[in-house]
C-alpha atoms as a PDB file:
ATOM      1  CA  UNK A   1       0.030  -0.063   0.096  1.00  0.00           C
ATOM      2  CA  UNK A   2       1.198   3.602  -0.543  1.00  0.00           C
ATOM      3  CA  UNK A   3       0.780   5.846   1.784  1.00  0.00           C
ATOM      4  CA  UNK A   4       1.454  10.224   1.667  1.00  0.00           C
ATOM      5  CA  UNK A   5       1.582  12.049   4.510  1.00  0.00           C
ATOM      6  CA  UNK A   6       1.583  15.402   4.551  1.00  0.00           C
ATOM      7  CA  UNK A   7       4.132  17.626   7.506  1.00  0.00           C
ATOM      8  CA  UNK A   8       4.822  21.617   6.374  1.00  0.00           C
ATOM      9  CA  UNK A   9       8.465  20.883   7.036  1.00  0.00           C
ATOM     10  CA  UNK A  10      10.380  17.629   8.056  1.00  0.00           C
ATOM     11  CA  UNK A  11      13.106  18.931   9.649  1.00  0.00           C
ATOM     12  CA  UNK A  12      11.099  21.047  12.450  1.00  0.00           C
ATOM     13  CA  UNK A  13      11.424  20.424  15.896  1.00  0.00           C
ATOM     14  CA  UNK A  14       7.460  20.245  16.990  1.00  0.00           C
ATOM     15  CA  UNK A  15       5.288  17.262  17.625  1.00  0.00           C
ATOM     16  CA  UNK A  16       4.901  17.056  14.166  1.00  0.00           C
ATOM     17  CA  UNK A  17       7.881  16.058  12.876  1.00  0.00           C
ATOM     18  CA  UNK A  18       8.537  13.045  15.295  1.00  0.00           C
ATOM     19  CA  UNK A  19       5.273  12.000  14.784  1.00  0.00           C
ATOM     20  CA  UNK A  20       5.306  11.850  11.126  1.00  0.00           C
ATOM     21  CA  UNK A  21       8.897   9.751  11.807  1.00  0.00           C
ATOM     22  CA  UNK A  22       7.180   7.920  13.573  1.00  0.00           C
ATOM     23  CA  UNK A  23       4.192   7.080  11.287  1.00  0.00           C
ATOM     24  CA  UNK A  24       6.548   6.514   9.009  1.00  0.00           C
ATOM     25  CA  UNK A  25       9.454   3.943  10.423  1.00  0.00           C
ATOM     26  CA  UNK A  26       5.952   1.868  11.377  1.00  0.00           C
ATOM     27  CA  UNK A  27       4.832   1.799   8.155  1.00  0.00           C
ATOM     28  CA  UNK A  28       7.987   1.297   6.098  1.00  0.00           C
ATOM     29  CA  UNK A  29       8.349  -1.802   8.851  1.00  0.00           C
ATOM     30  CA  UNK A  30       5.102  -3.521   7.931  1.00  0.00           C
ATOM     31  CA  UNK A  31       6.038  -3.217   4.085  1.00  0.00           C
ATOM     32  CA  UNK A  32       4.300  -0.511   3.160  1.00  0.00           C
ATOM     33  CA  UNK A  33       5.141   2.016   0.516  1.00  0.00           C
ATOM     34  CA  UNK A  34       5.583   5.175   2.673  1.00  0.00           C
ATOM     35  CA  UNK A  35       6.271   9.423   0.806  1.00  0.00           C
ATOM     36  CA  UNK A  36       6.265  12.502   2.381  1.00  0.00           C
ATOM     37  CA  UNK A  37       4.201  15.850   0.843  1.00  0.00           C
ATOM     38  CA  UNK A  38       5.976  19.259   2.185  1.00  0.00           C
ATOM     39  CA  UNK A  39       4.026  22.291   1.876  1.00  0.00           C
ATOM     40  CA  UNK A  40       6.861  23.418  -0.808  1.00  0.00           C
ATOM     41  CA  UNK A  41       5.581  21.101  -2.755  1.00  0.00           C
ATOM     42  CA  UNK A  42       2.286  20.990  -5.091  1.00  0.00           C
ATOM     43  CA  UNK A  43       0.092  18.585  -3.507  1.00  0.00           C
ATOM     44  CA  UNK A  44      -1.704  18.004  -7.114  1.00  0.00           C
ATOM     45  CA  UNK A  45       1.797  16.834  -8.979  1.00  0.00           C
ATOM     46  CA  UNK A  46       2.459  14.831  -5.761  1.00  0.00           C
ATOM     47  CA  UNK A  47      -0.702  13.293  -5.755  1.00  0.00           C
ATOM     48  CA  UNK A  48      -0.760  12.360  -9.222  1.00  0.00           C
ATOM     49  CA  UNK A  49       3.541  11.426  -9.494  1.00  0.00           C
ATOM     50  CA  UNK A  50       2.610   8.880  -6.148  1.00  0.00           C
ATOM     51  CA  UNK A  51      -1.071   7.446  -6.254  1.00  0.00           C
ATOM     52  CA  UNK A  52      -1.039   6.147  -3.384  1.00  0.00           C
ATOM     53  CA  UNK A  53      -3.972   4.383  -0.843  1.00  0.00           C
ATOM     54  CA  UNK A  54      -4.250   6.715   1.565  1.00  0.00           C
ATOM     55  CA  UNK A  55      -3.421  10.906   2.139  1.00  0.00           C
ATOM     56  CA  UNK A  56      -2.759  11.387   6.012  1.00  0.00           C
ATOM     57  CA  UNK A  57      -3.170  15.448   6.553  1.00  0.00           C
ATOM     58  CA  UNK A  58      -4.420  17.397   8.862  1.00  0.00           C
ATOM     59  CA  UNK A  59      -6.850  20.479   9.133  1.00  0.00           C
ATOM     60  CA  UNK A  60      -4.777  22.894   9.689  1.00  0.00           C
ATOM     61  CA  UNK A  61      -1.902  22.012   7.393  1.00  0.00           C
ATOM     62  CA  UNK A  62      -4.613  21.577   4.832  1.00  0.00           C
ATOM     63  CA  UNK A  63      -5.468  25.115   5.607  1.00  0.00           C
ATOM     64  CA  UNK A  64      -1.315  26.540   5.177  1.00  0.00           C
ATOM     65  CA  UNK A  65      -1.590  25.472   1.265  1.00  0.00           C
ATOM     66  CA  UNK A  66      -1.592  27.729  -1.764  1.00  0.00           C
ATOM     67  CA  UNK A  67      -3.972  26.696  -4.431  1.00  0.00           C
ATOM     68  CA  UNK A  68      -7.625  24.782  -4.520  1.00  0.00           C
ATOM     69  CA  UNK A  69      -6.744  22.361  -2.334  1.00  0.00           C
ATOM     70  CA  UNK A  70     -10.323  21.056  -2.273  1.00  0.00           C
ATOM     71  CA  UNK A  71     -11.014  20.635  -5.373  1.00  0.00           C
ATOM     72  CA  UNK A  72      -7.730  18.676  -5.678  1.00  0.00           C
ATOM     73  CA  UNK A  73      -8.330  16.599  -2.975  1.00  0.00           C
ATOM     74  CA  UNK A  74     -11.960  15.411  -4.526  1.00  0.00           C
ATOM     75  CA  UNK A  75     -10.410  14.821  -7.707  1.00  0.00           C
ATOM     76  CA  UNK A  76      -7.927  12.533  -5.875  1.00  0.00           C
ATOM     77  CA  UNK A  77     -11.045  10.361  -4.002  1.00  0.00           C
ATOM     78  CA  UNK A  78     -12.855   9.827  -7.542  1.00  0.00           C
ATOM     79  CA  UNK A  79     -10.075   8.114  -8.106  1.00  0.00           C
ATOM     80  CA  UNK A  80     -10.441   5.975  -5.254  1.00  0.00           C
ATOM     81  CA  UNK A  81      -8.218   7.172  -3.509  1.00  0.00           C
ATOM     82  CA  UNK A  82      -8.717   7.841   0.255  1.00  0.00           C
ATOM     83  CA  UNK A  83      -8.051  11.015   2.534  1.00  0.00           C
ATOM     84  CA  UNK A  84      -7.795  10.709   6.530  1.00  0.00           C
ATOM     85  CA  UNK A  85      -7.655  14.207   8.064  1.00  0.00           C
ATOM     86  CA  UNK A  86      -6.282  14.523  11.789  1.00  0.00           C
ATOM     87  CA  UNK A  87      -8.341  17.374  13.834  1.00  0.00           C
ATOM     88  CA  UNK A  88      -6.904  18.687  16.956  1.00  0.00           C
ATOM     89  CA  UNK A  89      -9.305  20.545  20.484  1.00  0.00           C
ATOM     90  CA  UNK A  90      -8.841  23.576  17.902  1.00  0.00           C
ATOM     91  CA  UNK A  91     -10.658  22.200  15.155  1.00  0.00           C
ATOM     92  CA  UNK A  92     -13.757  25.343  15.309  1.00  0.00           C
ATOM     93  CA  UNK A  93     -11.001  28.061  17.095  1.00  0.00           C
ATOM     94  CA  UNK A  94     -11.238  29.947  13.414  1.00  0.00           C
ATOM     95  CA  UNK A  95     -13.362  30.921  10.775  1.00  0.00           C
ATOM     96  CA  UNK A  96     -11.705  29.664   8.187  1.00  0.00           C
ATOM     97  CA  UNK A  97     -11.243  25.918  10.249  1.00  0.00           C
ATOM     98  CA  UNK A  98     -15.502  26.383  10.914  1.00  0.00           C
ATOM     99  CA  UNK A  99     -15.402  26.434   7.328  1.00  0.00           C
ATOM    100  CA  UNK A 100     -13.425  23.630   5.831  1.00  0.00           C
ATOM    101  CA  UNK A 101     -15.173  21.130   8.619  1.00  0.00           C
ATOM    102  CA  UNK A 102     -18.598  22.044   6.589  1.00  0.00           C
ATOM    103  CA  UNK A 103     -17.046  21.498   2.829  1.00  0.00           C
ATOM    104  CA  UNK A 104     -18.342  17.708   1.799  1.00  0.00           C
ATOM    105  CA  UNK A 105     -16.504  15.533  -0.714  1.00  0.00           C
ATOM    106  CA  UNK A 106     -12.633  15.716   0.143  1.00  0.00           C
ATOM    107  CA  UNK A 107     -12.300  14.207   2.879  1.00  0.00           C
ATOM    108  CA  UNK A 108     -12.992  10.334   4.342  1.00  0.00           C
ATOM    109  CA  UNK A 109     -11.625  10.303   8.189  1.00  0.00           C
ATOM    110  CA  UNK A 110     -11.735  12.452  10.341  1.00  0.00           C
ATOM    111  CA  UNK A 111      -9.448  11.412  13.272  1.00  0.00           C
ATOM    112  CA  UNK A 112      -7.368  12.662  16.814  1.00  0.00           C
ATOM    113  CA  UNK A 113      -5.276  11.301  19.057  1.00  0.00           C
ATOM    114  CA  UNK A 114      -7.294  13.703  21.824  1.00  0.00           C
ATOM    115  CA  UNK A 115     -10.031  12.069  24.043  1.00  0.00           C
ATOM    116  CA  UNK A 116     -13.778  12.648  23.886  1.00  0.00           C
ATOM    117  CA  UNK A 117     -13.249  15.143  27.035  1.00  0.00           C
ATOM    118  CA  UNK A 118     -11.079  17.246  24.266  1.00  0.00           C
ATOM    119  CA  UNK A 119     -12.934  17.006  21.615  1.00  0.00           C
ATOM    120  CA  UNK A 120     -16.242  17.681  22.425  1.00  0.00           C
ATOM    121  CA  UNK A 121     -18.228  19.614  19.619  1.00  0.00           C
ATOM    122  CA  UNK A 122     -17.107  18.418  16.878  1.00  0.00           C
ATOM    123  CA  UNK A 123     -20.255  15.848  16.041  1.00  0.00           C
ATOM    124  CA  UNK A 124     -21.959  19.358  15.820  1.00  0.00           C
ATOM    125  CA  UNK A 125     -19.637  21.230  14.175  1.00  0.00           C
ATOM    126  CA  UNK A 126     -18.725  18.778  11.916  1.00  0.00           C
ATOM    127  CA  UNK A 127     -22.190  16.844  11.371  1.00  0.00           C
ATOM    128  CA  UNK A 128     -19.869  14.057  11.113  1.00  0.00           C
ATOM    129  CA  UNK A 129     -18.021  11.610  13.795  1.00  0.00           C
ATOM    130  CA  UNK A 130     -14.369  11.156  13.985  1.00  0.00           C
ATOM    131  CA  UNK A 131     -12.400   7.729  14.882  1.00  0.00           C
ATOM    132  CA  UNK A 132      -9.852   8.032  17.937  1.00  0.00           C
ATOM    133  CA  UNK A 133      -6.011   6.714  17.168  1.00  0.00           C
ATOM    134  CA  UNK A 134      -3.109   8.295  19.936  1.00  0.00           C
ATOM    135  CA  UNK A 135       0.024   9.801  19.911  1.00  0.00           C
ATOM    136  CA  UNK A 136       2.610   6.638  20.188  1.00  0.00           C
ATOM    137  CA  UNK A 137       6.600   5.404  21.032  1.00  0.00           C
ATOM    138  CA  UNK A 138       8.529   4.818  17.860  1.00  0.00           C
ATOM    139  CA  UNK A 139       9.764   1.324  17.876  1.00  0.00           C
ATOM    140  CA  UNK A 140      13.109   1.940  16.300  1.00  0.00           C
ATOM    141  CA  UNK A 141      14.124   4.596  18.393  1.00  0.00           C
ATOM    142  CA  UNK A 142      12.168   4.069  21.590  1.00  0.00           C
ATOM    143  CA  UNK A 143      13.394   0.689  23.517  1.00  0.00           C
ATOM    144  CA  UNK A 144      15.543   0.582  27.245  1.00  0.00           C
ATOM    145  CA  UNK A 145      19.673   0.577  26.783  1.00  0.00           C
ATOM    146  CA  UNK A 146      21.746   0.480  29.251  1.00  0.00           C
ATOM    147  CA  UNK A 147      22.664   3.614  31.539  1.00  0.00           C
ATOM    148  CA  UNK A 148      24.968   6.446  29.946  1.00  0.00           C
ATOM    149  CA  UNK A 149      26.484   8.120  32.865  1.00  0.00           C
ATOM    150  CA  UNK A 150      25.559  11.677  31.522  1.00  0.00           C
ATOM    151  CA  UNK A 151      22.641  10.742  31.479  1.00  0.00           C
ATOM    152  CA  UNK A 152      22.373   8.847  34.903  1.00  0.00           C
ATOM    153  CA  UNK A 153      20.488  12.681  36.911  1.00  0.00           C
ATOM    154  CA  UNK A 154      17.854  12.387  39.539  1.00  0.00           C
ATOM    155  CA  UNK A 155      15.045  13.785  37.354  1.00  0.00           C
ATOM    156  CA  UNK A 156      14.591  14.556  33.711  1.00  0.00           C
ATOM    157  CA  UNK A 157      12.765  16.151  31.284  1.00  0.00           C
ATOM    158  CA  UNK A 158      13.141  16.598  27.490  1.00  0.00           C
ATOM    159  CA  UNK A 159       9.724  19.268  25.833  1.00  0.00           C
ATOM    160  CA  UNK A 160      10.158  22.635  24.469  1.00  0.00           C
ATOM    161  CA  UNK A 161      10.472  25.623  26.465  1.00  0.00           C
ATOM    162  CA  UNK A 162       7.214  27.465  25.367  1.00  0.00           C
ATOM    163  CA  UNK A 163       5.783  30.525  26.684  1.00  0.00           C
ATOM    164  CA  UNK A 164       2.633  29.361  27.308  1.00  0.00           C
ATOM    165  CA  UNK A 165       3.952  26.653  29.696  1.00  0.00           C
ATOM    166  CA  UNK A 166       6.024  29.411  31.640  1.00  0.00           C
ATOM    167  CA  UNK A 167       4.158  29.538  34.316  1.00  0.00           C
ATOM    168  CA  UNK A 168       3.742  25.832  34.943  1.00  0.00           C
ATOM    169  CA  UNK A 169       6.819  25.448  34.724  1.00  0.00           C
ATOM    170  CA  UNK A 170       7.745  28.131  37.475  1.00  0.00           C
ATOM    171  CA  UNK A 171       5.856  25.927  39.913  1.00  0.00           C
ATOM    172  CA  UNK A 172       5.987  22.143  38.970  1.00  0.00           C
ATOM    173  CA  UNK A 173      10.011  22.534  37.343  1.00  0.00           C
ATOM    174  CA  UNK A 174      12.397  24.946  38.498  1.00  0.00           C
ATOM    175  CA  UNK A 175      11.479  23.889  42.635  1.00  0.00           C
ATOM    176  CA  UNK A 176      13.011  20.359  41.661  1.00  0.00           C
ATOM    177  CA  UNK A 177      16.490  22.486  41.345  1.00  0.00           C
ATOM    178  CA  UNK A 178      17.162  23.279  44.539  1.00  0.00           C
ATOM    179  CA  UNK A 179      16.474  19.706  45.887  1.00  0.00           C
ATOM    180  CA  UNK A 180      17.309  17.056  43.135  1.00  0.00           C
ATOM    181  CA  UNK A 181      20.056  17.080  40.709  1.00  0.00           C
ATOM    182  CA  UNK A 182      18.207  17.997  36.908  1.00  0.00           C
ATOM    183  CA  UNK A 183      18.455  17.621  33.523  1.00  0.00           C
ATOM    184  CA  UNK A 184      16.517  19.875  30.828  1.00  0.00           C
ATOM    185  CA  UNK A 185      16.719  19.745  27.210  1.00  0.00           C
ATOM    186  CA  UNK A 186      14.789  20.735  24.726  1.00  0.00           C
ATOM    187  CA  UNK A 187      14.185  23.357  22.158  1.00  0.00           C
ATOM    188  CA  UNK A 188      13.933  26.952  22.852  1.00  0.00           C
ATOM    189  CA  UNK A 189      16.355  26.241  26.644  1.00  0.00           C
ATOM    190  CA  UNK A 190      19.348  27.930  24.949  1.00  0.00           C
ATOM    191  CA  UNK A 191      19.909  31.477  23.720  1.00  0.00           C
ATOM    192  CA  UNK A 192      21.463  29.992  20.535  1.00  0.00           C
ATOM    193  CA  UNK A 193      18.752  27.986  20.228  1.00  0.00           C
ATOM    194  CA  UNK A 194      16.084  30.635  20.369  1.00  0.00           C
ATOM    195  CA  UNK A 195      17.993  32.545  18.138  1.00  0.00           C
ATOM    196  CA  UNK A 196      18.156  29.919  15.122  1.00  0.00           C
ATOM    197  CA  UNK A 197      14.600  29.286  15.429  1.00  0.00           C
ATOM    198  CA  UNK A 198      14.252  33.262  14.075  1.00  0.00           C
ATOM    199  CA  UNK A 199      16.929  32.728  11.822  1.00  0.00           C
ATOM    200  CA  UNK A 200      15.513  29.796  10.564  1.00  0.00           C
ATOM    201  CA  UNK A 201      11.936  30.323  10.383  1.00  0.00           C
ATOM    202  CA  UNK A 202      13.310  33.228   8.793  1.00  0.00           C
ATOM    203  CA  UNK A 203      14.314  30.453   5.740  1.00  0.00           C
ATOM    204  CA  UNK A 204      11.256  29.059   5.345  1.00  0.00           C
ATOM    205  CA  UNK A 205       8.976  32.122   4.716  1.00  0.00           C
ATOM    206  CA  UNK A 206      11.742  32.812   2.047  1.00  0.00           C
ATOM    207  CA  UNK A 207      11.470  29.343   0.837  1.00  0.00           C
ATOM    208  CA  UNK A 208      15.287  28.748   1.727  1.00  0.00           C
ATOM    209  CA  UNK A 209      14.555  25.124   2.180  1.00  0.00           C
ATOM    210  CA  UNK A 210      17.981  23.426   1.972  1.00  0.00           C
ATOM    211  CA  UNK A 211      19.016  26.696   4.854  1.00  0.00           C
ATOM    212  CA  UNK A 212      16.203  25.491   6.737  1.00  0.00           C
ATOM    213  CA  UNK A 213      17.077  22.247   7.161  1.00  0.00           C
ATOM    214  CA  UNK A 214      20.665  23.067   7.858  1.00  0.00           C
ATOM    215  CA  UNK A 215      19.641  25.177  10.963  1.00  0.00           C
ATOM    216  CA  UNK A 216      16.855  23.456  12.389  1.00  0.00           C
ATOM    217  CA  UNK A 217      19.646  20.598  12.554  1.00  0.00           C
ATOM    218  CA  UNK A 218      21.745  22.470  14.423  1.00  0.00           C
ATOM    219  CA  UNK A 219      19.380  23.423  17.283  1.00  0.00           C
ATOM    220  CA  UNK A 220      19.107  19.344  18.130  1.00  0.00           C
ATOM    221  CA  UNK A 221      20.045  18.824  21.434  1.00  0.00           C
ATOM    222  CA  UNK A 222      19.646  15.138  22.025  1.00  0.00           C
ATOM    223  CA  UNK A 223      19.510  13.311  19.206  1.00  0.00           C
ATOM    224  CA  UNK A 224      16.158  11.304  18.437  1.00  0.00           C
ATOM    225  CA  UNK A 225      18.278   8.020  18.879  1.00  0.00           C
ATOM    226  CA  UNK A 226      19.995   9.033  22.112  1.00  0.00           C
ATOM    227  CA  UNK A 227      15.920  10.193  23.966  1.00  0.00           C
ATOM    228  CA  UNK A 228      16.172   6.410  24.592  1.00  0.00           C
ATOM    229  CA  UNK A 229      19.682   7.102  26.920  1.00  0.00           C
ATOM    230  CA  UNK A 230      18.322   9.303  28.964  1.00  0.00           C
ATOM    231  CA  UNK A 231      14.927   7.989  29.997  1.00  0.00           C
ATOM    232  CA  UNK A 232      16.646   4.449  30.369  1.00  0.00           C
ATOM    233  CA  UNK A 233      19.283   6.573  32.908  1.00  0.00           C
ATOM    234  CA  UNK A 234      17.364   8.639  34.644  1.00  0.00           C
ATOM    235  CA  UNK A 235      15.441   7.762  37.909  1.00  0.00           C
ATOM    236  CA  UNK A 236      12.000  10.014  37.146  1.00  0.00           C
ATOM    237  CA  UNK A 237      11.041  11.747  33.872  1.00  0.00           C
ATOM    238  CA  UNK A 238       7.825  14.476  33.734  1.00  0.00           C
ATOM    239  CA  UNK A 239       5.690  14.879  31.415  1.00  0.00           C
ATOM    240  CA  UNK A 240       4.139  18.790  31.647  1.00  0.00           C
ATOM    241  CA  UNK A 241       0.923  18.733  29.578  1.00  0.00           C
ATOM    242  CA  UNK A 242      -0.018  22.136  28.118  1.00  0.00           C
ATOM    243  CA  UNK A 243      -1.815  24.787  30.412  1.00  0.00           C
ATOM    244  CA  UNK A 244      -3.942  27.475  30.198  1.00  0.00           C
ATOM    245  CA  UNK A 245      -3.269  30.852  31.330  1.00  0.00           C
ATOM    246  CA  UNK A 246      -5.287  30.330  34.179  1.00  0.00           C
ATOM    247  CA  UNK A 247      -3.133  27.213  35.049  1.00  0.00           C
ATOM    248  CA  UNK A 248      -5.436  24.520  34.533  1.00  0.00           C
ATOM    249  CA  UNK A 249      -4.227  20.933  32.182  1.00  0.00           C
ATOM    250  CA  UNK A 250      -5.892  21.500  28.731  1.00  0.00           C
ATOM    251  CA  UNK A 251      -6.123  17.545  28.730  1.00  0.00           C
ATOM    252  CA  UNK A 252      -4.182  17.501  25.684  1.00  0.00           C
ATOM    253  CA  UNK A 253      -2.454  13.905  25.144  1.00  0.00           C
ATOM    254  CA  UNK A 254       1.510  13.938  23.923  1.00  0.00           C
ATOM    255  CA  UNK A 255       3.588  11.361  22.749  1.00  0.00           C
ATOM    256  CA  UNK A 256       5.901  11.808  26.106  1.00  0.00           C
ATOM    257  CA  UNK A 257       3.237   9.286  27.201  1.00  0.00           C
ATOM    258  CA  UNK A 258       4.551   6.754  25.623  1.00  0.00           C
ATOM    259  CA  UNK A 259       8.084   7.664  24.459  1.00  0.00           C
ATOM    260  CA  UNK A 260       9.922   7.371  27.757  1.00  0.00           C
ATOM    261  CA  UNK A 261       8.242   4.050  29.242  1.00  0.00           C
ATOM    262  CA  UNK A 262       8.920   2.582  26.042  1.00  0.00           C
ATOM    263  CA  UNK A 263      12.547   3.374  25.924  1.00  0.00           C
ATOM    264  CA  UNK A 264      13.050   3.042  29.696  1.00  0.00           C
ATOM    265  CA  UNK A 265      11.834   5.339  31.806  1.00  0.00           C
ATOM    266  CA  UNK A 266       9.925   6.291  34.960  1.00  0.00           C
ATOM    267  CA  UNK A 267       7.170   8.834  34.124  1.00  0.00           C
ATOM    268  CA  UNK A 268       5.710  10.853  36.814  1.00  0.00           C
ATOM    269  CA  UNK A 269       2.775  13.088  34.554  1.00  0.00           C
ATOM    270  CA  UNK A 270       0.271  15.947  35.320  1.00  0.00           C
ATOM    271  CA  UNK A 271      -3.285  14.137  34.818  1.00  0.00           C
ATOM    272  CA  UNK A 272      -4.693  14.934  31.292  1.00  0.00           C
ATOM    273  CA  UNK A 273      -8.518  13.505  30.452  1.00  0.00           C
ATOM    274  CA  UNK A 274      -8.120   9.536  29.186  1.00  0.00           C
ATOM    275  CA  UNK A 275      -4.414   8.964  30.421  1.00  0.00           C
ATOM    276  CA  UNK A 276      -5.810   6.261  32.357  1.00  0.00           C
ATOM    277  CA  UNK A 277      -7.016   4.223  29.673  1.00  0.00           C
ATOM    278  CA  UNK A 278      -3.207   3.730  28.384  1.00  0.00           C
ATOM    279  CA  UNK A 279      -1.399   3.478  32.152  1.00  0.00           C
ATOM    280  CA  UNK A 280      -2.844   1.807  35.187  1.00  0.00           C
ATOM    281  CA  UNK A 281      -2.389   4.566  37.795  1.00  0.00           C
ATOM    282  CA  UNK A 282       0.074   3.365  40.282  1.00  0.00           C
ATOM    283  CA  UNK A 283       1.223   0.114  38.877  1.00  0.00           C
ATOM    284  CA  UNK A 284       2.265   1.317  35.403  1.00  0.00           C
ATOM    285  CA  UNK A 285       2.210   5.104  35.691  1.00  0.00           C
ATOM    286  CA  UNK A 286       2.674   7.811  38.646  1.00  0.00           C
ATOM    287  CA  UNK A 287      -0.351  10.626  37.925  1.00  0.00           C
ATOM    288  CA  UNK A 288      -0.547  13.352  40.571  1.00  0.00           C
ATOM    289  CA  UNK A 289      -2.881  15.212  41.731  1.00  0.00           C
ATOM    290  CA  UNK A 290      -2.438  18.655  42.609  1.00  0.00           C
ATOM    291  CA  UNK A 291       0.858  20.345  43.120  1.00  0.00           C
ATOM    292  CA  UNK A 292       1.378  19.074  46.955  1.00  0.00           C
ATOM    293  CA  UNK A 293       1.275  15.211  45.675  1.00  0.00           C
ATOM    294  CA  UNK A 294       3.443  16.304  42.483  1.00  0.00           C
ATOM    295  CA  UNK A 295       6.304  17.255  45.361  1.00  0.00           C
ATOM    296  CA  UNK A 296       5.291  14.530  47.537  1.00  0.00           C
ATOM    297  CA  UNK A 297       5.344  11.514  44.704  1.00  0.00           C
ATOM    298  CA  UNK A 298       8.957  12.657  43.407  1.00  0.00           C
ATOM    299  CA  UNK A 299      10.435  12.867  47.062  1.00  0.00           C
ATOM    300  CA  UNK A 300       9.203   9.110  47.402  1.00  0.00           C
ATOM    301  CA  UNK A 301      10.025   7.346  44.717  1.00  0.00           C
ATOM    302  CA  UNK A 302      13.688   9.033  44.393  1.00  0.00           C
ATOM    303  CA  UNK A 303      13.763   7.159  47.658  1.00  0.00           C
ATOM    304  CA  UNK A 304      12.052   3.891  47.005  1.00  0.00           C
ATOM    305  CA  UNK A 305      14.145   2.515  43.963  1.00  0.00           C
ATOM    306  CA  UNK A 306      12.288  -0.808  44.484  1.00  0.00           C
ATOM    307  CA  UNK A 307       8.989   0.240  43.883  1.00  0.00           C
ATOM    308  CA  UNK A 308      10.418   2.724  41.384  1.00  0.00           C
ATOM    309  CA  UNK A 309      11.315   0.172  39.101  1.00  0.00           C
ATOM    310  CA  UNK A 310       8.810  -2.287  38.836  1.00  0.00           C
ATOM    311  CA  UNK A 311       6.319   0.582  37.622  1.00  0.00           C
ATOM    312  CA  UNK A 312       8.589   1.260  35.467  1.00  0.00           C
ATOM    313  CA  UNK A 313       9.102  -2.151  33.955  1.00  0.00           C
ATOM    314  CA  UNK A 314       5.553  -2.695  34.441  1.00  0.00           C
ATOM    315  CA  UNK A 315       4.841   0.735  31.784  1.00  0.00           C
ATOM    316  CA  UNK A 316       8.042  -0.187  29.113  1.00  0.00           C
ATOM    317  CA  UNK A 317       6.178  -3.619  29.057  1.00  0.00           C
ATOM    318  CA  UNK A 318       2.778  -1.432  28.170  1.00  0.00           C
ATOM    319  CA  UNK A 319       4.171   0.536  25.598  1.00  0.00           C
ATOM    320  CA  UNK A 320       5.989  -1.855  23.913  1.00  0.00           C
ATOM    321  CA  UNK A 321       3.185  -4.658  23.413  1.00  0.00           C
ATOM    322  CA  UNK A 322       0.335  -1.705  22.626  1.00  0.00           C
ATOM    323  CA  UNK A 323       1.840   1.790  22.381  1.00  0.00           C
ATOM    324  CA  UNK A 324       3.982   2.102  19.430  1.00  0.00           C
ATOM    325  CA  UNK A 325       3.168   2.901  15.638  1.00  0.00           C
ATOM    326  CA  UNK A 326       2.876   0.305  14.744  1.00  0.00           C
ATOM    327  CA  UNK A 327      -0.348  -0.460  16.711  1.00  0.00           C
ATOM    328  CA  UNK A 328      -1.385   3.239  15.027  1.00  0.00           C
ATOM    329  CA  UNK A 329      -0.934   2.447  11.623  1.00  0.00           C
ATOM    330  CA  UNK A 330      -2.746  -1.361  11.919  1.00  0.00           C
ATOM    331  CA  UNK A 331      -5.373   0.773  12.943  1.00  0.00           C
ATOM    332  CA  UNK A 332      -5.352   3.067   9.734  1.00  0.00           C
ATOM    333  CA  UNK A 333      -5.303   0.101   7.846  1.00  0.00           C
ATOM    334  CA  UNK A 334      -8.220  -1.557   9.754  1.00  0.00           C
ATOM    335  CA  UNK A 335     -10.453   1.912   8.680  1.00  0.00           C
ATOM    336  CA  UNK A 336      -9.003   2.159   5.382  1.00  0.00           C
ATOM    337  CA  UNK A 337     -10.580  -1.685   4.849  1.00  0.00           C
ATOM    338  CA  UNK A 338     -13.663  -0.611   6.057  1.00  0.00           C
ATOM    339  CA  UNK A 339     -14.094   2.507   3.479  1.00  0.00           C
END
């Protein structure tokens, strides 16, 4: 089967890149032909050249395209192709998003990686349903390995330093530096990285594709093949999700939920809707209830190695058995076969 996957820029450092690479590797491993469509290319030409069975895109990424992509996708479907469209919690945040949902004849399946609690109202606006295909771990890159000295810390957090997370970092992450050996990595934590990000965005807007690729590559401070060493080495790996301005967790799932345990990490996470469906709390993952509980559980499990290791091992088994992109690819194929 031929798959064409839409990502605006495959070398960026946002979550869309790692999700794309997870699906790419899984489709290849399961003996499918996988191709990539980026926004500097022409959709009509790419579909004509590849003739994919499935085109995987997203609502927001389509709205970044120039030209009449709806006409192109309707023609693609008439020729037998199928269109899978990812939607997020912001599916109706703008008039353009709402208008796209009202258009018909260009899509086959809407899917999301978020829970029903987050996607409330979608069916009323779109006049059709959606399926949930969760995020996952990349089985090629996330699996347990021997501990590495440079990553043998009490606590690690691997994630972007986003402005909208500044308050929650101030409340949950930064106080840990006073008491423990903490390692924080990811985009936006260094001044040099912030500078490269700005220049990289300018290069993308000016269509200097090779330069943008080079600049974003220089921003990676933990190569994806080293993530497993980080999670396997740190005693505790934190998962901090998205919060609104009032300090309330938004309930948006992320890949860390699956990558940390798959790579042999012990995960302590804030509480988001649906997380308990993937891992059993207190047995495969630790979920905190409030700020006091967050610090209390971190301190407790740093002092109780045996309990921590038992939960980590159970979480790793669950992640590698149920939550890799190989399982998600099989879900895509299952839905495709019902169309």
